Amino acid sequence: MSQKFHTVSIEDREMFAYNSRYQKQQAELQRILSHPEQRMKYAFEFMIGADDGMRVKCYDAIAKYSAQLDYSESHF
């Protein structure tokens, strides 16, 4: 039995790579937005290299999301 070779054009490969990268970005964004801890981590990472106006926005977001944290499993 002879094997059939499937060829994929360069445009199709670029489209598949773009779609894969886009889906990974959306999954990462969904993971970040689903938990307040991840949102705070994202705000701290985004603040690196930011100007003063952006840092104020990041600190405001960190304060907002820290109020949403679940402290039920914390041991004091």
N, C-alpha and C. Protein backbone atom coordinates (compact mmCIF):
# COMPACT_ATOMS: atom_id res chain seq x y z
N MET A 1 0.83 -1.17 0.00
CA MET A 1 0.00 0.00 0.00
C MET A 1 0.88 1.24 0.00
N SER A 2 0.59 2.15 -0.84
CA SER A 2 1.40 3.36 -0.93
C SER A 2 0.85 4.43 0.02
N GLN A 3 1.76 5.19 0.57
CA GLN A 3 1.36 6.27 1.47
C GLN A 3 1.06 7.52 0.67
N LYS A 4 0.04 8.22 1.14
CA LYS A 4 -0.26 9.50 0.52
C LYS A 4 0.37 10.60 1.37
N PHE A 5 1.01 11.49 0.72
CA PHE A 5 1.63 12.60 1.42
C PHE A 5 0.70 13.81 1.35
N HIS A 6 0.49 14.38 2.51
CA HIS A 6 -0.36 15.56 2.57
C HIS A 6 0.55 16.78 2.68
N THR A 7 0.34 17.68 1.80
CA THR A 7 1.13 18.90 1.86
C THR A 7 0.25 20.03 2.35
N VAL A 8 0.83 20.88 3.13
CA VAL A 8 0.13 22.04 3.66
C VAL A 8 0.85 23.27 3.16
N SER A 9 0.09 24.21 2.66
CA SER A 9 0.71 25.42 2.13
C SER A 9 1.27 26.28 3.26
N ILE A 10 2.14 27.18 2.90
CA ILE A 10 2.74 28.07 3.88
C ILE A 10 1.68 28.95 4.53
N GLU A 11 0.71 29.38 3.75
CA GLU A 11 -0.37 30.22 4.29
C GLU A 11 -1.17 29.46 5.34
N ASP A 12 -1.43 28.18 5.08
CA ASP A 12 -2.16 27.37 6.05
C ASP A 12 -1.35 27.18 7.33
N ARG A 13 -0.05 26.94 7.19
CA ARG A 13 0.79 26.80 8.38
C ARG A 13 0.81 28.08 9.20
N GLU A 14 0.89 29.22 8.53
CA GLU A 14 0.87 30.49 9.25
C GLU A 14 -0.47 30.70 9.95
N MET A 15 -1.55 30.31 9.29
CA MET A 15 -2.88 30.45 9.88
C MET A 15 -3.00 29.54 11.11
N PHE A 16 -2.52 28.29 11.01
CA PHE A 16 -2.57 27.38 12.15
C PHE A 16 -1.73 27.90 13.31
N ALA A 17 -0.56 28.45 13.02
CA ALA A 17 0.31 29.00 14.06
C ALA A 17 -0.35 30.21 14.71
N TYR A 18 -0.97 31.07 13.90
CA TYR A 18 -1.66 32.25 14.44
C TYR A 18 -2.81 31.82 15.33
N ASN A 19 -3.62 30.87 14.87
CA ASN A 19 -4.77 30.41 15.65
C ASN A 19 -4.32 29.76 16.96
N SER A 20 -3.26 29.00 16.92
CA SER A 20 -2.75 28.35 18.12
C SER A 20 -2.25 29.40 19.12
N ARG A 21 -1.51 30.39 18.64
CA ARG A 21 -1.00 31.44 19.52
C ARG A 21 -2.16 32.25 20.11
N TYR A 22 -3.17 32.54 19.31
CA TYR A 22 -4.33 33.30 19.77
C TYR A 22 -5.09 32.52 20.84
N GLN A 23 -5.29 31.22 20.63
CA GLN A 23 -5.99 30.40 21.62
C GLN A 23 -5.21 30.30 22.92
N LYS A 24 -3.89 30.22 22.84
CA LYS A 24 -3.07 30.19 24.06
C LYS A 24 -3.17 31.50 24.81
N GLN A 25 -3.17 32.63 24.09
CA GLN A 25 -3.30 33.93 24.72
C GLN A 25 -4.65 34.07 25.40
N GLN A 26 -5.72 33.61 24.74
CA GLN A 26 -7.05 33.70 25.33
C GLN A 26 -7.18 32.81 26.56
N ALA A 27 -6.58 31.63 26.52
CA ALA A 27 -6.62 30.73 27.68
C ALA A 27 -5.85 31.33 28.85
N GLU A 28 -4.71 31.96 28.57
CA GLU A 28 -3.94 32.61 29.62
C GLU A 28 -4.71 33.78 30.21
N LEU A 29 -5.37 34.56 29.37
CA LEU A 29 -6.17 35.68 29.84
C LEU A 29 -7.33 35.21 30.69
N GLN A 30 -7.98 34.14 30.27
CA GLN A 30 -9.10 33.58 31.04
C GLN A 30 -8.61 33.07 32.40
N ARG A 31 -7.44 32.46 32.43
CA ARG A 31 -6.88 31.97 33.68
C ARG A 31 -6.57 33.13 34.62
N ILE A 32 -6.03 34.19 34.07
CA ILE A 32 -5.69 35.36 34.88
C ILE A 32 -6.95 36.01 35.43
N LEU A 33 -7.97 36.15 34.61
CA LEU A 33 -9.17 36.87 35.03
C LEU A 33 -10.08 36.05 35.93
N SER A 34 -9.84 34.75 36.04
CA SER A 34 -10.75 33.92 36.83
C SER A 34 -10.45 33.94 38.32
N HIS A 35 -9.27 34.37 38.74
CA HIS A 35 -8.90 34.38 40.15
C HIS A 35 -8.32 35.73 40.52
N PRO A 36 -8.75 36.29 41.68
CA PRO A 36 -8.19 37.58 42.11
C PRO A 36 -6.68 37.52 42.34
N GLU A 37 -6.17 36.36 42.80
CA GLU A 37 -4.74 36.24 43.03
C GLU A 37 -3.96 36.41 41.74
N GLN A 38 -4.48 35.81 40.67
CA GLN A 38 -3.82 35.92 39.37
C GLN A 38 -3.90 37.35 38.83
N ARG A 39 -5.03 38.02 39.10
CA ARG A 39 -5.15 39.41 38.65
C ARG A 39 -4.13 40.29 39.34
N MET A 40 -3.94 40.06 40.65
CA MET A 40 -2.95 40.85 41.38
C MET A 40 -1.54 40.56 40.87
N LYS A 41 -1.24 39.31 40.61
CA LYS A 41 0.08 38.95 40.08
C LYS A 41 0.30 39.63 38.73
N TYR A 42 -0.73 39.63 37.88
CA TYR A 42 -0.64 40.27 36.57
C TYR A 42 -0.40 41.77 36.74
N ALA A 43 -1.07 42.41 37.71
CA ALA A 43 -0.88 43.84 37.94
C ALA A 43 0.54 44.13 38.39
N PHE A 44 1.09 43.28 39.28
CA PHE A 44 2.47 43.48 39.72
C PHE A 44 3.45 43.29 38.57
N GLU A 45 3.22 42.29 37.71
CA GLU A 45 4.10 42.06 36.57
C GLU A 45 4.01 43.20 35.56
N PHE A 46 2.81 43.73 35.38
CA PHE A 46 2.60 44.80 34.41
C PHE A 46 3.25 46.09 34.88
N MET A 47 3.36 46.25 36.21
CA MET A 47 3.87 47.49 36.78
C MET A 47 5.37 47.66 36.53
N ILE A 48 6.07 46.58 36.25
CA ILE A 48 7.51 46.67 36.00
C ILE A 48 7.74 47.47 34.72
N GLY A 49 8.48 48.54 34.84
CA GLY A 49 8.78 49.36 33.68
C GLY A 49 7.68 50.32 33.28
N ALA A 50 6.65 50.48 34.12
CA ALA A 50 5.55 51.38 33.78
C ALA A 50 5.83 52.79 34.29
N ASP A 51 5.13 53.75 33.72
CA ASP A 51 5.29 55.13 34.19
C ASP A 51 4.42 55.36 35.43
N ASP A 52 4.47 56.57 35.99
CA ASP A 52 3.78 56.85 37.26
C ASP A 52 2.27 56.71 37.15
N GLY A 53 1.70 57.17 36.05
CA GLY A 53 0.25 57.07 35.88
C GLY A 53 -0.22 55.63 35.83
N MET A 54 0.56 54.78 35.16
CA MET A 54 0.19 53.37 35.07
C MET A 54 0.37 52.68 36.42
N ARG A 55 1.38 53.09 37.17
CA ARG A 55 1.58 52.49 38.50
C ARG A 55 0.42 52.80 39.43
N VAL A 56 -0.13 54.01 39.33
CA VAL A 56 -1.29 54.36 40.15
C VAL A 56 -2.45 53.44 39.80
N LYS A 57 -2.68 53.20 38.51
CA LYS A 57 -3.76 52.30 38.10
C LYS A 57 -3.51 50.89 38.59
N CYS A 58 -2.26 50.44 38.55
CA CYS A 58 -1.94 49.09 39.02
C CYS A 58 -2.16 48.96 40.51
N TYR A 59 -1.74 49.98 41.29
CA TYR A 59 -1.96 49.94 42.73
C TYR A 59 -3.45 49.95 43.07
N ASP A 60 -4.24 50.72 42.31
CA ASP A 60 -5.68 50.72 42.52
C ASP A 60 -6.29 49.36 42.24
N ALA A 61 -5.83 48.72 41.17
CA ALA A 61 -6.33 47.38 40.84
C ALA A 61 -5.93 46.37 41.90
N ILE A 62 -4.71 46.48 42.40
CA ILE A 62 -4.25 45.56 43.44
C ILE A 62 -5.10 45.73 44.69
N ALA A 63 -5.40 46.98 45.06
CA ALA A 63 -6.25 47.23 46.23
C ALA A 63 -7.64 46.68 46.03
N LYS A 64 -8.17 46.83 44.83
CA LYS A 64 -9.53 46.34 44.55
C LYS A 64 -9.58 44.82 44.63
N TYR A 65 -8.59 44.14 44.05
CA TYR A 65 -8.61 42.68 44.03
C TYR A 65 -8.20 42.07 45.36
N SER A 66 -7.43 42.81 46.17
CA SER A 66 -7.07 42.27 47.47
C SER A 66 -8.28 42.22 48.39
N ALA A 67 -9.26 43.10 48.14
CA ALA A 67 -10.49 43.06 48.92
C ALA A 67 -11.33 41.83 48.57
N GLN A 68 -11.12 41.24 47.41
CA GLN A 68 -11.88 40.08 46.97
C GLN A 68 -11.25 38.75 47.37
N LEU A 69 -10.08 38.79 47.99
CA LEU A 69 -9.40 37.54 48.31
C LEU A 69 -10.16 36.76 49.38
N ASP A 70 -10.06 35.46 49.29
CA ASP A 70 -10.70 34.57 50.25
C ASP A 70 -9.70 34.23 51.33
N TYR A 71 -9.98 34.68 52.54
CA TYR A 71 -9.08 34.41 53.66
C TYR A 71 -9.57 33.26 54.54
N SER A 72 -10.50 32.46 54.05
CA SER A 72 -11.07 31.40 54.89
C SER A 72 -10.06 30.32 55.24
N GLU A 73 -9.04 30.13 54.40
CA GLU A 73 -8.05 29.09 54.67
C GLU A 73 -6.79 29.66 55.30
N SER A 74 -6.80 30.94 55.64
CA SER A 74 -5.63 31.55 56.25
C SER A 74 -5.51 31.15 57.72
N HIS A 75 -4.31 30.96 58.17
CA HIS A 75 -4.07 30.62 59.56
C HIS A 75 -3.27 31.74 60.19
N PHE A 76 -3.87 32.39 61.17
CA PHE A 76 -3.22 33.53 61.81
C PHE A 76 -2.60 33.10 63.10
